[in-house]
Amino acid sequence: KIIQYLKYNKDVIKKNLTTAITQIATNASAKADELIKQVETMLNVLELTCPSEKATIQELEQQILDLDADVSELQQLIKTKDTAAIKAKLKEMNTLIQSMVKNMQKIQTACLSTE
């Protein structure tokens, strides 16, 4: 009965999965936009107060550009509802964000730690 139910409802299930994935991607896109704004604000201050980490700051600036491009691409993928490409882009964005967090931690350790 379960197999028959799944076969009968596969289109509905597929549509619901696609809807869920696109909603997750939409939320991730919004969160990435928030992160970009926060990091840009932080970098504006750090460029002046933490010249010793100029290379890491420049790397973060490039990562922001990359993430912004990823967000734009993700938004296009959401419109096409290409779930496989959406999943791949989300994974790629997650890796980039993890790298950004490491760079922010590096800057924090070098310039913002109170000793």
Protein backbone atom coordinates (compact mmCIF):
# COMPACT_ATOMS: atom_id res chain seq x y z
CA LYS A 1 0.00 0.00 0.00
CA ILE A 2 2.83 2.39 0.83
CA ILE A 3 4.55 1.85 -2.51
CA GLN A 4 1.26 2.33 -4.32
CA TYR A 5 0.62 5.52 -2.34
CA LEU A 6 4.09 6.86 -3.17
CA LYS A 7 3.66 6.06 -6.85
CA TYR A 8 0.26 7.68 -6.94
CA ASN A 9 1.45 10.81 -5.13
CA LYS A 10 4.97 11.11 -6.55
CA ASP A 11 4.20 14.35 -8.41
CA VAL A 12 2.75 15.93 -5.28
CA ILE A 13 5.71 14.75 -3.20
CA LYS A 14 8.17 16.02 -5.81
CA LYS A 15 6.41 19.40 -5.93
CA ASN A 16 6.46 19.67 -2.14
CA LEU A 17 10.18 18.82 -2.03
CA THR A 18 10.90 21.40 -4.70
CA THR A 19 8.90 23.98 -2.78
CA ALA A 20 10.77 23.15 0.43
CA ILE A 21 14.18 23.36 -1.24
CA THR A 22 13.38 26.67 -2.92
CA GLN A 23 12.09 28.08 0.38
CA ILE A 24 15.27 27.00 2.15
CA ALA A 25 17.29 28.63 -0.62
CA THR A 26 15.25 31.83 -0.37
CA ASN A 27 15.90 31.98 3.37
CA ALA A 28 19.60 31.23 2.85
CA SER A 29 19.81 34.01 0.27
CA ALA A 30 18.33 36.51 2.72
CA LYS A 31 20.70 35.38 5.49
CA ALA A 32 23.68 35.67 3.14
CA ASP A 33 22.64 39.23 2.27
CA GLU A 34 22.52 40.05 5.99
CA LEU A 35 25.97 38.52 6.48
CA ILE A 36 27.39 40.55 3.59
CA LYS A 37 26.11 43.79 5.14
CA GLN A 38 27.49 42.89 8.58
CA VAL A 39 30.92 41.93 7.24
CA GLU A 40 31.12 45.05 5.07
CA THR A 41 30.37 47.20 8.12
CA MET A 42 33.00 45.37 10.15
CA LEU A 43 35.59 45.67 7.39
CA ASN A 44 35.10 49.43 7.11
CA VAL A 45 36.21 49.72 10.73
CA LEU A 46 38.94 47.09 10.54
CA GLU A 47 40.61 48.66 7.52
CA LEU A 48 41.37 51.65 9.74
CA THR A 49 42.04 49.91 13.05
CA CYS A 50 43.80 46.72 11.97
CA PRO A 51 46.35 47.44 9.25
CA SER A 52 48.40 44.39 10.26
CA GLU A 53 45.68 42.14 8.81
CA LYS A 54 45.43 43.90 5.46
CA ALA A 55 45.83 40.67 3.46
CA THR A 56 43.07 38.89 5.39
CA ILE A 57 40.83 41.94 5.10
CA GLN A 58 41.39 41.98 1.33
CA GLU A 59 40.60 38.26 1.18
CA LEU A 60 37.36 38.89 3.06
CA GLU A 61 36.48 41.70 0.66
CA GLN A 62 36.90 39.28 -2.24
CA GLN A 63 34.86 36.66 -0.41
CA ILE A 64 32.06 39.21 -0.01
CA LEU A 65 32.09 39.79 -3.76
CA ASP A 66 32.03 36.03 -4.34
CA LEU A 67 29.18 35.53 -1.90
CA ASP A 68 27.22 38.37 -3.45
CA ALA A 69 27.63 36.73 -6.87
CA ASP A 70 26.56 33.40 -5.37
CA VAL A 71 23.43 35.01 -3.92
CA SER A 72 22.52 36.43 -7.34
CA GLU A 73 23.08 33.05 -8.95
CA LEU A 74 21.05 31.33 -6.23
CA GLN A 75 18.17 33.72 -6.80
CA GLN A 76 18.18 32.80 -10.50
CA LEU A 77 18.23 29.10 -9.63
CA ILE A 78 15.27 29.60 -7.31
CA LYS A 79 13.31 31.07 -10.21
CA THR A 80 14.08 28.03 -12.37
CA LYS A 81 13.42 25.62 -9.44
CA ASP A 82 16.49 23.58 -10.41
CA THR A 83 16.75 21.73 -7.10
CA ALA A 84 19.99 19.92 -7.91
CA ALA A 85 21.71 23.19 -8.83
CA ILE A 86 20.19 24.92 -5.78
CA LYS A 87 21.60 22.22 -3.48
CA ALA A 88 25.03 22.49 -5.12
CA LYS A 89 25.04 26.29 -4.84
CA LEU A 90 23.98 26.14 -1.18
CA LYS A 91 26.82 23.73 -0.45
CA GLU A 92 29.28 26.02 -2.25
CA MET A 93 27.99 29.03 -0.32
CA ASN A 94 28.28 27.16 2.97
CA THR A 95 31.95 26.39 2.25
CA LEU A 96 32.61 30.04 1.39
CA ILE A 97 30.86 31.28 4.53
CA GLN A 98 32.89 28.88 6.69
CA SER A 99 36.06 30.32 5.17
CA MET A 100 34.80 33.84 5.82
CA VAL A 101 34.16 32.97 9.46
CA LYS A 102 37.72 31.64 9.80
CA ASN A 103 39.10 34.86 8.34
CA MET A 104 36.96 36.94 10.71
CA GLN A 105 38.21 34.85 13.65
CA LYS A 106 41.80 35.38 12.48
CA ILE A 107 41.30 39.13 12.39
CA GLN A 108 39.58 39.07 15.76
CA THR A 109 42.45 37.15 17.30
CA ALA A 110 45.07 39.46 15.79
CA CYS A 111 43.42 42.81 16.34
CA LEU A 112 40.47 42.70 18.67
CA SER A 113 41.66 40.45 21.47
CA THR A 114 42.22 42.18 24.79
CA GLU A 115 45.40 41.16 26.42
